[in-house]
PDB file of N, CA and C in Angstrom:
ATOM      1  N   MET A   1       7.746  42.934   5.916  1.00  0.00           N
ATOM      2  CA  MET A   1       8.126  41.716   6.591  1.00  0.00           C
ATOM      3  C   MET A   1       6.927  41.104   7.324  1.00  0.00           C
ATOM      4  N   LYS A   2       6.093  41.970   7.928  1.00  0.00           N
ATOM      5  CA  LYS A   2       4.906  41.472   8.627  1.00  0.00           C
ATOM      6  C   LYS A   2       3.949  40.803   7.652  1.00  0.00           C
ATOM      7  N   LYS A   3       3.797  41.385   6.463  1.00  0.00           N
ATOM      8  CA  LYS A   3       2.881  40.814   5.468  1.00  0.00           C
ATOM      9  C   LYS A   3       3.359  39.430   5.036  1.00  0.00           C
ATOM     10  N   LEU A   4       4.646  39.287   4.846  1.00  0.00           N
ATOM     11  CA  LEU A   4       5.192  37.990   4.459  1.00  0.00           C
ATOM     12  C   LEU A   4       4.973  36.961   5.567  1.00  0.00           C
ATOM     13  N   PHE A   5       5.207  37.349   6.796  1.00  0.00           N
ATOM     14  CA  PHE A   5       5.010  36.451   7.936  1.00  0.00           C
ATOM     15  C   PHE A   5       3.552  35.992   8.034  1.00  0.00           C
ATOM     16  N   PHE A   6       2.617  36.942   7.945  1.00  0.00           N
ATOM     17  CA  PHE A   6       1.202  36.599   8.052  1.00  0.00           C
ATOM     18  C   PHE A   6       0.722  35.777   6.854  1.00  0.00           C
ATOM     19  N   THR A   7       1.275  36.038   5.691  1.00  0.00           N
ATOM     20  CA  THR A   7       0.924  35.252   4.513  1.00  0.00           C
ATOM     21  C   THR A   7       1.372  33.806   4.683  1.00  0.00           C
ATOM     22  N   LEU A   8       2.598  33.607   5.142  1.00  0.00           N
ATOM     23  CA  LEU A   8       3.094  32.249   5.365  1.00  0.00           C
ATOM     24  C   LEU A   8       2.318  31.545   6.475  1.00  0.00           C
ATOM     25  N   LEU A   9       1.968  32.282   7.519  1.00  0.00           N
ATOM     26  CA  LEU A   9       1.182  31.716   8.602  1.00  0.00           C
ATOM     27  C   LEU A   9      -0.198  31.279   8.095  1.00  0.00           C
ATOM     28  N   PHE A  10      -0.824  32.123   7.298  1.00  0.00           N
ATOM     29  CA  PHE A  10      -2.133  31.811   6.742  1.00  0.00           C
ATOM     30  C   PHE A  10      -2.070  30.586   5.832  1.00  0.00           C
ATOM     31  N   LEU A  11      -1.053  30.506   4.982  1.00  0.00           N
ATOM     32  CA  LEU A  11      -0.911  29.348   4.096  1.00  0.00           C
ATOM     33  C   LEU A  11      -0.673  28.067   4.902  1.00  0.00           C
ATOM     34  N   GLY A  12       0.106  28.160   5.938  1.00  0.00           N
ATOM     35  CA  GLY A  12       0.334  26.991   6.792  1.00  0.00           C
ATOM     36  C   GLY A  12      -0.943  26.502   7.452  1.00  0.00           C
ATOM     37  N   LEU A  13      -1.757  27.432   7.926  1.00  0.00           N
ATOM     38  CA  LEU A  13      -3.039  27.054   8.530  1.00  0.00           C
ATOM     39  C   LEU A  13      -3.976  26.428   7.508  1.00  0.00           C
ATOM     40  N   CYS A  14      -4.009  26.972   6.306  1.00  0.00           N
ATOM     41  CA  CYS A  14      -4.865  26.418   5.256  1.00  0.00           C
ATOM     42  C   CYS A  14      -4.447  24.998   4.898  1.00  0.00           C
ATOM     43  N   ILE A  15      -3.161  24.763   4.800  1.00  0.00           N
ATOM     44  CA  ILE A  15      -2.673  23.427   4.462  1.00  0.00           C
ATOM     45  C   ILE A  15      -2.992  22.445   5.581  1.00  0.00           C
ATOM     46  N   SER A  16      -2.817  22.860   6.821  1.00  0.00           N
ATOM     47  CA  SER A  16      -3.102  21.948   7.926  1.00  0.00           C
ATOM     48  C   SER A  16      -4.597  21.661   8.034  1.00  0.00           C
ATOM     49  N   MET A  17      -5.448  22.616   7.744  1.00  0.00           N
ATOM     50  CA  MET A  17      -6.891  22.382   7.782  1.00  0.00           C
ATOM     51  C   MET A  17      -7.307  21.449   6.662  1.00  0.00           C
ATOM     52  N   ASN A  18      -6.703  21.579   5.499  1.00  0.00           N
ATOM     53  CA  ASN A  18      -7.029  20.710   4.377  1.00  0.00           C
ATOM     54  C   ASN A  18      -6.594  19.279   4.654  1.00  0.00           C
ATOM     55  N   ALA A  19      -5.492  19.095   5.322  1.00  0.00           N
ATOM     56  CA  ALA A  19      -5.002  17.754   5.630  1.00  0.00           C
ATOM     57  C   ALA A  19      -5.932  17.026   6.590  1.00  0.00           C
ATOM     58  N   GLN A  20      -6.626  17.722   7.461  1.00  0.00           N
ATOM     59  CA  GLN A  20      -7.540  17.087   8.401  1.00  0.00           C
ATOM     60  C   GLN A  20      -8.810  16.597   7.733  1.00  0.00           C
ATOM     61  N   ASP A  21      -9.154  17.139   6.569  1.00  0.00           N
ATOM     62  CA  ASP A  21     -10.376  16.748   5.894  1.00  0.00           C
ATOM     63  C   ASP A  21     -10.251  15.420   5.164  1.00  0.00           C
ATOM     64  N   GLN A  22      -9.055  14.918   4.963  1.00  0.00           N
ATOM     65  CA  GLN A  22      -8.857  13.693   4.221  1.00  0.00           C
ATOM     66  C   GLN A  22      -8.900  12.492   5.167  1.00  0.00           C
ATOM     67  N   PRO A  23      -9.749  11.501   4.858  1.00  0.00           N
ATOM     68  CA  PRO A  23      -9.815  10.318   5.719  1.00  0.00           C
ATOM     69  C   PRO A  23      -8.609   9.410   5.486  1.00  0.00           C
ATOM     70  N   LYS A  24      -8.305   8.608   6.473  1.00  0.00           N
ATOM     71  CA  LYS A  24      -7.237   7.620   6.373  1.00  0.00           C
ATOM     72  C   LYS A  24      -7.817   6.261   6.753  1.00  0.00           C
ATOM     73  N   ILE A  25      -7.257   5.217   6.215  1.00  0.00           N
ATOM     74  CA  ILE A  25      -7.693   3.874   6.582  1.00  0.00           C
ATOM     75  C   ILE A  25      -7.376   3.666   8.059  1.00  0.00           C
ATOM     76  N   GLY A  26      -8.364   3.224   8.797  1.00  0.00           N
ATOM     77  CA  GLY A  26      -8.207   3.017  10.233  1.00  0.00           C
ATOM     78  C   GLY A  26      -8.803   4.130  11.070  1.00  0.00           C
ATOM     79  N   ASP A  27      -9.237   5.244  10.448  1.00  0.00           N
ATOM     80  CA  ASP A  27      -9.895   6.304  11.203  1.00  0.00           C
ATOM     81  C   ASP A  27     -11.188   5.773  11.808  1.00  0.00           C
ATOM     82  N   ILE A  28     -11.500   6.241  12.997  1.00  0.00           N
ATOM     83  CA  ILE A  28     -12.724   5.815  13.679  1.00  0.00           C
ATOM     84  C   ILE A  28     -13.746   6.940  13.598  1.00  0.00           C
ATOM     85  N   LEU A  29     -14.931   6.605  13.084  1.00  0.00           N
ATOM     86  CA  LEU A  29     -16.033   7.548  12.946  1.00  0.00           C
ATOM     87  C   LEU A  29     -17.217   7.036  13.748  1.00  0.00           C
ATOM     88  N   GLU A  30     -18.177   7.904  13.979  1.00  0.00           N
ATOM     89  CA  GLU A  30     -19.392   7.520  14.702  1.00  0.00           C
ATOM     90  C   GLU A  30     -20.599   7.848  13.838  1.00  0.00           C
ATOM     91  N   ILE A  31     -21.538   6.914  13.769  1.00  0.00           N
ATOM     92  CA  ILE A  31     -22.773   7.129  13.013  1.00  0.00           C
ATOM     93  C   ILE A  31     -23.758   7.849  13.919  1.00  0.00           C
ATOM     94  N   ASN A  32     -24.242   8.992  13.458  1.00  0.00           N
ATOM     95  CA  ASN A  32     -25.197   9.793  14.228  1.00  0.00           C
ATOM     96  C   ASN A  32     -26.593   9.626  13.653  1.00  0.00           C
ATOM     97  N   GLU A  33     -27.562  10.150  14.367  1.00  0.00           N
ATOM     98  CA  GLU A  33     -28.949  10.113  13.922  1.00  0.00           C
ATOM     99  C   GLU A  33     -29.132  11.072  12.742  1.00  0.00           C
ATOM    100  N   PRO A  34     -29.826  10.647  11.668  1.00  0.00           N
ATOM    101  CA  PRO A  34     -30.039  11.549  10.534  1.00  0.00           C
ATOM    102  C   PRO A  34     -31.059  12.631  10.871  1.00  0.00           C
ATOM    103  N   TYR A  35     -31.021  13.718  10.120  1.00  0.00           N
ATOM    104  CA  TYR A  35     -31.984  14.793  10.355  1.00  0.00           C
ATOM    105  C   TYR A  35     -33.366  14.425   9.835  1.00  0.00           C
ATOM    106  N   GLY A  36     -33.431  13.671   8.770  1.00  0.00           N
ATOM    107  CA  GLY A  36     -34.707  13.201   8.250  1.00  0.00           C
ATOM    108  C   GLY A  36     -34.983  11.796   8.746  1.00  0.00           C
ATOM    109  N   GLN A  37     -35.844  11.074   8.024  1.00  0.00           N
ATOM    110  CA  GLN A  37     -36.148   9.706   8.416  1.00  0.00           C
ATOM    111  C   GLN A  37     -35.088   8.731   7.924  1.00  0.00           C
ATOM    112  N   GLN A  38     -34.410   9.080   6.824  1.00  0.00           N
ATOM    113  CA  GLN A  38     -33.432   8.172   6.243  1.00  0.00           C
ATOM    114  C   GLN A  38     -32.088   8.858   6.107  1.00  0.00           C
ATOM    115  N   TYR A  39     -31.065   8.036   6.003  1.00  0.00           N
ATOM    116  CA  TYR A  39     -29.724   8.548   5.744  1.00  0.00           C
ATOM    117  C   TYR A  39     -29.609   8.892   4.267  1.00  0.00           C
ATOM    118  N   GLN A  40     -29.004  10.043   3.967  1.00  0.00           N
ATOM    119  CA  GLN A  40     -28.826  10.442   2.576  1.00  0.00           C
ATOM    120  C   GLN A  40     -27.451  10.076   2.048  1.00  0.00           C
ATOM    121  N   TYR A  41     -26.426  10.151   2.880  1.00  0.00           N
ATOM    122  CA  TYR A  41     -25.059   9.977   2.401  1.00  0.00           C
ATOM    123  C   TYR A  41     -24.404   8.699   2.911  1.00  0.00           C
ATOM    124  N   VAL A  42     -24.952   8.072   3.931  1.00  0.00           N
ATOM    125  CA  VAL A  42     -24.501   6.761   4.370  1.00  0.00           C
ATOM    126  C   VAL A  42     -25.452   5.766   3.720  1.00  0.00           C
ATOM    127  N   LYS A  43     -24.916   4.862   2.930  1.00  0.00           N
ATOM    128  CA  LYS A  43     -25.747   3.957   2.129  1.00  0.00           C
ATOM    129  C   LYS A  43     -26.185   2.732   2.926  1.00  0.00           C
ATOM    130  N   LEU A  44     -27.217   2.925   3.726  1.00  0.00           N
ATOM    131  CA  LEU A  44     -27.835   1.829   4.465  1.00  0.00           C
ATOM    132  C   LEU A  44     -29.051   1.350   3.676  1.00  0.00           C
ATOM    133  N   PRO A  45     -29.482   0.105   3.877  1.00  0.00           N
ATOM    134  CA  PRO A  45     -30.661  -0.372   3.149  1.00  0.00           C
ATOM    135  C   PRO A  45     -31.904   0.423   3.517  1.00  0.00           C
ATOM    136  N   LYS A  46     -32.832   0.501   2.580  1.00  0.00           N
ATOM    137  CA  LYS A  46     -34.080   1.211   2.845  1.00  0.00           C
ATOM    138  C   LYS A  46     -34.890   0.454   3.886  1.00  0.00           C
ATOM    139  N   LEU A  47     -35.768   1.183   4.537  1.00  0.00           N
ATOM    140  CA  LEU A  47     -36.548   0.596   5.633  1.00  0.00           C
ATOM    141  C   LEU A  47     -37.442  -0.549   5.173  1.00  0.00           C
ATOM    142  N   ASN A  48     -37.981  -0.463   3.948  1.00  0.00           N
ATOM    143  CA  ASN A  48     -38.845  -1.550   3.485  1.00  0.00           C
ATOM    144  C   ASN A  48     -38.050  -2.846   3.264  1.00  0.00           C
ATOM    145  N   ILE A  49     -36.790  -2.745   2.887  1.00  0.00           N
ATOM    146  CA  ILE A  49     -35.949  -3.933   2.734  1.00  0.00           C
ATOM    147  C   ILE A  49     -35.677  -4.564   4.099  1.00  0.00           C
ATOM    148  N   LEU A  50     -35.403  -3.713   5.079  1.00  0.00           N
ATOM    149  CA  LEU A  50     -35.169  -4.234   6.429  1.00  0.00           C
ATOM    150  C   LEU A  50     -36.414  -4.925   6.982  1.00  0.00           C
ATOM    151  N   LYS A  51     -37.569  -4.340   6.710  1.00  0.00           N
ATOM    152  CA  LYS A  51     -38.822  -4.917   7.194  1.00  0.00           C
ATOM    153  C   LYS A  51     -39.100  -6.261   6.516  1.00  0.00           C
ATOM    154  N   LYS A  52     -38.813  -6.360   5.207  1.00  0.00           N
ATOM    155  CA  LYS A  52     -39.027  -7.615   4.489  1.00  0.00           C
ATOM    156  C   LYS A  52     -38.107  -8.716   5.004  1.00  0.00           C
ATOM    157  N   ARG A  53     -36.903  -8.354   5.404  1.00  0.00           N
ATOM    158  CA  ARG A  53     -35.965  -9.342   5.936  1.00  0.00           C
ATOM    159  C   ARG A  53     -36.288  -9.708   7.383  1.00  0.00           C
ATOM    160  N   GLY A  54     -37.204  -8.968   7.987  1.00  0.00           N
ATOM    161  CA  GLY A  54     -37.624  -9.267   9.344  1.00  0.00           C
ATOM    162  C   GLY A  54     -36.630  -8.831  10.403  1.00  0.00           C
ATOM    163  N   VAL A  55     -35.778  -7.888  10.044  1.00  0.00           N
ATOM    164  CA  VAL A  55     -34.750  -7.452  10.992  1.00  0.00           C
ATOM    165  C   VAL A  55     -35.330  -6.398  11.926  1.00  0.00           C
ATOM    166  N   VAL A  56     -35.500  -5.191  11.443  1.00  0.00           N
ATOM    167  CA  VAL A  56     -36.073  -4.076  12.203  1.00  0.00           C
ATOM    168  C   VAL A  56     -36.778  -3.166  11.216  1.00  0.00           C
ATOM    169  N   ASN A  57     -37.531  -2.222  11.720  1.00  0.00           N
ATOM    170  CA  ASN A  57     -38.162  -1.274  10.807  1.00  0.00           C
ATOM    171  C   ASN A  57     -37.736   0.161  11.108  1.00  0.00           C
ATOM    172  N   ASN A  58     -36.534   0.319  11.705  1.00  0.00           N
ATOM    173  CA  ASN A  58     -35.983   1.658  11.931  1.00  0.00           C
ATOM    174  C   ASN A  58     -34.458   1.563  11.995  1.00  0.00           C
ATOM    175  N   TYR A  59     -33.828   2.715  12.042  1.00  0.00           N
ATOM    176  CA  TYR A  59     -32.366   2.786  12.038  1.00  0.00           C
ATOM    177  C   TYR A  59     -31.784   2.983  13.443  1.00  0.00           C
ATOM    178  N   LYS A  60     -32.578   2.880  14.479  1.00  0.00           N
ATOM    179  CA  LYS A  60     -32.100   3.177  15.825  1.00  0.00           C
ATOM    180  C   LYS A  60     -30.953   2.269  16.270  1.00  0.00           C
ATOM    181  N   SER A  61     -30.842   1.100  15.686  1.00  0.00           N
ATOM    182  CA  SER A  61     -29.786   0.175  16.105  1.00  0.00           C
ATOM    183  C   SER A  61     -28.399   0.621  15.635  1.00  0.00           C
ATOM    184  N   VAL A  62     -28.329   1.554  14.686  1.00  0.00           N
ATOM    185  CA  VAL A  62     -27.017   2.018  14.218  1.00  0.00           C
ATOM    186  C   VAL A  62     -26.621   3.363  14.818  1.00  0.00           C
ATOM    187  N   TYR A  63     -27.522   4.033  15.519  1.00  0.00           N
ATOM    188  CA  TYR A  63     -27.180   5.320  16.130  1.00  0.00           C
ATOM    189  C   TYR A  63     -26.065   5.124  17.155  1.00  0.00           C
ATOM    190  N   GLY A  64     -25.025   5.891  17.044  1.00  0.00           N
ATOM    191  CA  GLY A  64     -23.934   5.844  18.004  1.00  0.00           C
ATOM    192  C   GLY A  64     -22.912   4.743  17.767  1.00  0.00           C
ATOM    193  N   ASN A  65     -23.077   3.956  16.701  1.00  0.00           N
ATOM    194  CA  ASN A  65     -22.100   2.900  16.415  1.00  0.00           C
ATOM    195  C   ASN A  65     -20.769   3.500  15.988  1.00  0.00           C
ATOM    196  N   LYS A  66     -19.689   2.937  16.495  1.00  0.00           N
ATOM    197  CA  LYS A  66     -18.345   3.324  16.074  1.00  0.00           C
ATOM    198  C   LYS A  66     -17.974   2.464  14.872  1.00  0.00           C
ATOM    199  N   VAL A  67     -17.498   3.118  13.816  1.00  0.00           N
ATOM    200  CA  VAL A  67     -17.112   2.414  12.597  1.00  0.00           C
ATOM    201  C   VAL A  67     -15.681   2.787  12.228  1.00  0.00           C
ATOM    202  N   VAL A  68     -15.028   1.884  11.507  1.00  0.00           N
ATOM    203  CA  VAL A  68     -13.649   2.068  11.086  1.00  0.00           C
ATOM    204  C   VAL A  68     -13.624   2.207   9.571  1.00  0.00           C
ATOM    205  N   VAL A  69     -12.834   3.153   9.061  1.00  0.00           N
ATOM    206  CA  VAL A  69     -12.674   3.323   7.623  1.00  0.00           C
ATOM    207  C   VAL A  69     -11.828   2.168   7.113  1.00  0.00           C
ATOM    208  N   GLU A  70     -12.419   1.361   6.228  1.00  0.00           N
ATOM    209  CA  GLU A  70     -11.744   0.186   5.708  1.00  0.00           C
ATOM    210  C   GLU A  70     -11.149   0.435   4.324  1.00  0.00           C
ATOM    211  N   ASP A  71     -11.795   1.263   3.513  1.00  0.00           N
ATOM    212  CA  ASP A  71     -11.324   1.527   2.157  1.00  0.00           C
ATOM    213  C   ASP A  71     -11.721   2.943   1.766  1.00  0.00           C
ATOM    214  N   ILE A  72     -10.919   3.576   0.910  1.00  0.00           N
ATOM    215  CA  ILE A  72     -11.171   4.940   0.463  1.00  0.00           C
ATOM    216  C   ILE A  72     -11.100   4.970  -1.055  1.00  0.00           C
ATOM    217  N   LYS A  73     -12.109   5.552  -1.681  1.00  0.00           N
ATOM    218  CA  LYS A  73     -12.132   5.721  -3.136  1.00  0.00           C
ATOM    219  C   LYS A  73     -12.411   7.191  -3.432  1.00  0.00           C
ATOM    220  N   THR A  74     -11.614   7.774  -4.325  1.00  0.00           N
ATOM    221  CA  THR A  74     -11.837   9.145  -4.744  1.00  0.00           C
ATOM    222  C   THR A  74     -12.206   9.138  -6.224  1.00  0.00           C
ATOM    223  N   LYS A  75     -13.348   9.698  -6.537  1.00  0.00           N
ATOM    224  CA  LYS A  75     -13.813   9.757  -7.926  1.00  0.00           C
ATOM    225  C   LYS A  75     -13.107  10.883  -8.674  1.00  0.00           C
ATOM    226  N   LYS A  76     -13.294  10.915  -9.980  1.00  0.00           N
ATOM    227  CA  LYS A  76     -12.654  11.936 -10.811  1.00  0.00           C
ATOM    228  C   LYS A  76     -13.127  13.347 -10.483  1.00  0.00           C
ATOM    229  N   ASN A  77     -14.366  13.474 -10.004  1.00  0.00           N
ATOM    230  CA  ASN A  77     -14.897  14.795  -9.679  1.00  0.00           C
ATOM    231  C   ASN A  77     -14.455  15.273  -8.295  1.00  0.00           C
ATOM    232  N   GLY A  78     -13.663  14.464  -7.575  1.00  0.00           N
ATOM    233  CA  GLY A  78     -13.131  14.873  -6.283  1.00  0.00           C
ATOM    234  C   GLY A  78     -13.916  14.380  -5.089  1.00  0.00           C
ATOM    235  N   THR A  79     -15.030  13.679  -5.308  1.00  0.00           N
ATOM    236  CA  THR A  79     -15.831  13.162  -4.207  1.00  0.00           C
ATOM    237  C   THR A  79     -15.145  11.936  -3.616  1.00  0.00           C
ATOM    238  N   THR A  80     -15.057  11.886  -2.297  1.00  0.00           N
ATOM    239  CA  THR A  80     -14.412  10.781  -1.608  1.00  0.00           C
ATOM    240  C   THR A  80     -15.466   9.880  -0.988  1.00  0.00           C
ATOM    241  N   TYR A  81     -15.389   8.592  -1.312  1.00  0.00           N
ATOM    242  CA  TYR A  81     -16.279   7.585  -0.741  1.00  0.00           C
ATOM    243  C   TYR A  81     -15.466   6.668   0.150  1.00  0.00           C
ATOM    244  N   VAL A  82     -16.030   6.314   1.301  1.00  0.00           N
ATOM    245  CA  VAL A  82     -15.352   5.429   2.243  1.00  0.00           C
ATOM    246  C   VAL A  82     -16.216   4.190   2.471  1.00  0.00           C
ATOM    247  N   THR A  83     -15.546   3.069   2.713  1.00  0.00           N
ATOM    248  CA  THR A  83     -16.212   1.840   3.108  1.00  0.00           C
ATOM    249  C   THR A  83     -16.021   1.700   4.606  1.00  0.00           C
ATOM    250  N   LEU A  84     -17.122   1.518   5.317  1.00  0.00           N
ATOM    251  CA  LEU A  84     -17.110   1.498   6.780  1.00  0.00           C
ATOM    252  C   LEU A  84     -17.438   0.116   7.305  1.00  0.00           C
ATOM    253  N   LYS A  85     -16.734  -0.280   8.345  1.00  0.00           N
ATOM    254  CA  LYS A  85     -16.955  -1.553   9.011  1.00  0.00           C
ATOM    255  C   LYS A  85     -17.110  -1.277  10.497  1.00  0.00           C
ATOM    256  N   LYS A  86     -17.989  -2.001  11.167  1.00  0.00           N
ATOM    257  CA  LYS A  86     -18.182  -1.789  12.607  1.00  0.00           C
ATOM    258  C   LYS A  86     -16.901  -2.085  13.368  1.00  0.00           C
ATOM    259  N   GLU A  87     -16.640  -1.271  14.373  1.00  0.00           N
ATOM    260  CA  GLU A  87     -15.416  -1.419  15.159  1.00  0.00           C
ATOM    261  C   GLU A  87     -15.397  -2.730  15.941  1.00  0.00           C
ATOM    262  N   ASP A  88     -16.559  -3.164  16.424  1.00  0.00           N
ATOM    263  CA  ASP A  88     -16.610  -4.395  17.215  1.00  0.00           C
ATOM    264  C   ASP A  88     -16.661  -5.660  16.357  1.00  0.00           C
ATOM    265  N   GLY A  89     -16.742  -5.530  15.043  1.00  0.00           N
ATOM    266  CA  GLY A  89     -16.715  -6.680  14.146  1.00  0.00           C
ATOM    267  C   GLY A  89     -18.069  -7.277  13.837  1.00  0.00           C
ATOM    268  N   SER A  90     -19.125  -6.823  14.500  1.00  0.00           N
ATOM    269  CA  SER A  90     -20.449  -7.358  14.215  1.00  0.00           C
ATOM    270  C   SER A  90     -20.972  -6.765  12.907  1.00  0.00           C
ATOM    271  N   LYS A  91     -22.122  -7.269  12.454  1.00  0.00           N
ATOM    272  CA  LYS A  91     -22.685  -6.824  11.182  1.00  0.00           C
ATOM    273  C   LYS A  91     -23.815  -5.822  11.413  1.00  0.00           C
ATOM    274  N   PHE A  92     -23.999  -4.932  10.437  1.00  0.00           N
ATOM    275  CA  PHE A  92     -25.116  -3.993  10.468  1.00  0.00           C
ATOM    276  C   PHE A  92     -26.393  -4.785  10.206  1.00  0.00           C
ATOM    277  N   PHE A  93     -27.360  -4.676  11.079  1.00  0.00           N
ATOM    278  CA  PHE A  93     -28.668  -5.326  10.968  1.00  0.00           C
ATOM    279  C   PHE A  93     -28.549  -6.846  10.855  1.00  0.00           C
ATOM    280  N   GLY A  94     -27.425  -7.396  11.217  1.00  0.00           N
ATOM    281  CA  GLY A  94     -27.237  -8.834  11.204  1.00  0.00           C
ATOM    282  C   GLY A  94     -26.864  -9.436   9.862  1.00  0.00           C
ATOM    283  N   PHE A  95     -26.774  -8.628   8.781  1.00  0.00           N
ATOM    284  CA  PHE A  95     -26.434  -9.214   7.492  1.00  0.00           C
ATOM    285  C   PHE A  95     -25.470  -8.381   6.647  1.00  0.00           C
ATOM    286  N   LEU A  96     -25.214  -7.128   6.985  1.00  0.00           N
ATOM    287  CA  LEU A  96     -24.283  -6.300   6.215  1.00  0.00           C
ATOM    288  C   LEU A  96     -22.960  -6.163   6.968  1.00  0.00           C
ATOM    289  N   SER A  97     -21.880  -6.567   6.327  1.00  0.00           N
ATOM    290  CA  SER A  97     -20.595  -6.437   7.010  1.00  0.00           C
ATOM    291  C   SER A  97     -19.989  -5.049   6.805  1.00  0.00           C
ATOM    292  N   THR A  98     -20.269  -4.400   5.675  1.00  0.00           N
ATOM    293  CA  THR A  98     -19.754  -3.052   5.412  1.00  0.00           C
ATOM    294  C   THR A  98     -20.847  -2.181   4.798  1.00  0.00           C
ATOM    295  N   VAL A  99     -20.690  -0.883   4.953  1.00  0.00           N
ATOM    296  CA  VAL A  99     -21.542   0.098   4.272  1.00  0.00           C
ATOM    297  C   VAL A  99     -20.642   1.159   3.663  1.00  0.00           C
ATOM    298  N   LYS A 100     -21.165   1.847   2.669  1.00  0.00           N
ATOM    299  CA  LYS A 100     -20.410   2.906   2.011  1.00  0.00           C
ATOM    300  C   LYS A 100     -21.021   4.249   2.355  1.00  0.00           C
ATOM    301  N   ALA A 101     -20.187   5.293   2.279  1.00  0.00           N
ATOM    302  CA  ALA A 101     -20.668   6.643   2.581  1.00  0.00           C
ATOM    303  C   ALA A 101     -19.862   7.657   1.788  1.00  0.00           C
ATOM    304  N   SER A 102     -20.506   8.752   1.433  1.00  0.00           N
ATOM    305  CA  SER A 102     -19.821   9.897   0.861  1.00  0.00           C
ATOM    306  C   SER A 102     -19.223  10.670   2.025  1.00  0.00           C
ATOM    307  N   TYR A 103     -17.900  10.705   2.108  1.00  0.00           N
ATOM    308  CA  TYR A 103     -17.228  11.195   3.308  1.00  0.00           C
ATOM    309  C   TYR A 103     -17.563  12.656   3.603  1.00  0.00           C
ATOM    310  N   GLU A 104     -17.280  13.565   2.674  1.00  0.00           N
ATOM    311  CA  GLU A 104     -17.465  14.996   2.936  1.00  0.00           C
ATOM    312  C   GLU A 104     -18.931  15.327   3.213  1.00  0.00           C
ATOM    313  N   ASN A 105     -19.827  14.786   2.397  1.00  0.00           N
ATOM    314  CA  ASN A 105     -21.250  15.102   2.555  1.00  0.00           C
ATOM    315  C   ASN A 105     -21.807  14.567   3.869  1.00  0.00           C
ATOM    316  N   SER A 106     -21.404  13.362   4.246  1.00  0.00           N
ATOM    317  CA  SER A 106     -21.936  12.794   5.489  1.00  0.00           C
ATOM    318  C   SER A 106     -21.380  13.506   6.725  1.00  0.00           C
ATOM    319  N   ILE A 107     -20.138  13.962   6.666  1.00  0.00           N
ATOM    320  CA  ILE A 107     -19.585  14.739   7.783  1.00  0.00           C
ATOM    321  C   ILE A 107     -20.285  16.089   7.875  1.00  0.00           C
ATOM    322  N   ASP A 108     -20.478  16.748   6.716  1.00  0.00           N
ATOM    323  CA  ASP A 108     -21.124  18.065   6.710  1.00  0.00           C
ATOM    324  C   ASP A 108     -22.577  17.994   7.172  1.00  0.00           C
ATOM    325  N   SER A 109     -23.281  16.922   6.814  1.00  0.00           N
ATOM    326  CA  SER A 109     -24.684  16.810   7.197  1.00  0.00           C
ATOM    327  C   SER A 109     -24.866  16.314   8.631  1.00  0.00           C
ATOM    328  N   GLY A 110     -23.822  15.796   9.237  1.00  0.00           N
ATOM    329  CA  GLY A 110     -23.908  15.321  10.609  1.00  0.00           C
ATOM    330  C   GLY A 110     -24.263  13.848  10.727  1.00  0.00           C
ATOM    331  N   GLU A 111     -24.367  13.132   9.607  1.00  0.00           N
ATOM    332  CA  GLU A 111     -24.668  11.709   9.673  1.00  0.00           C
ATOM    333  C   GLU A 111     -23.488  10.932  10.241  1.00  0.00           C
ATOM    334  N   LEU A 112     -22.270  11.388   9.955  1.00  0.00           N
ATOM    335  CA  LEU A 112     -21.056  10.816  10.519  1.00  0.00           C
ATOM    336  C   LEU A 112     -20.308  11.900  11.269  1.00  0.00           C
ATOM    337  N   SER A 113     -19.615  11.515  12.305  1.00  0.00           N
ATOM    338  CA  SER A 113     -18.759  12.454  13.010  1.00  0.00           C
ATOM    339  C   SER A 113     -17.439  11.755  13.310  1.00  0.00           C
ATOM    340  N   ILE A 114     -16.385  12.544  13.430  1.00  0.00           N
ATOM    341  CA  ILE A 114     -15.074  12.000  13.717  1.00  0.00           C
ATOM    342  C   ILE A 114     -15.014  11.712  15.208  1.00  0.00           C
ATOM    343  N   SER A 115     -14.735  10.457  15.531  1.00  0.00           N
ATOM    344  CA  SER A 115     -14.662  10.043  16.933  1.00  0.00           C
ATOM    345  C   SER A 115     -13.279  10.318  17.473  1.00  0.00           C
ATOM    346  N   LYS A 116     -13.219  10.712  18.745  1.00  0.00           N
ATOM    347  CA  LYS A 116     -11.937  11.056  19.344  1.00  0.00           C
ATOM    348  C   LYS A 116     -11.482  10.001  20.312  1.00  0.00           C
TER     349      LYS A 116
END
């Protein structure tokens, strides 16, 4: 009886943990500083493009920005991509209204974090 109880408890915990990994439209995330010079999983324009447009030559303006999940796409291989929009409605670097990101990879790498 104890084995059955612990098995059911374990399965319940696994299901609840899996449910938290799935993004929902309207979830609020925060953009963090990348570990390298560029973001790998959040698709922001390259620095040379930003410099040519005369906007900025670094990503510091997006550090700490709160973003809202606007759209979710799941590919056949199971990778989930999200479209992100700034919570305050302004544009990224003054010209991008949305950016895309690989949800699982960006959360695991620390580029995005779930805001509370």
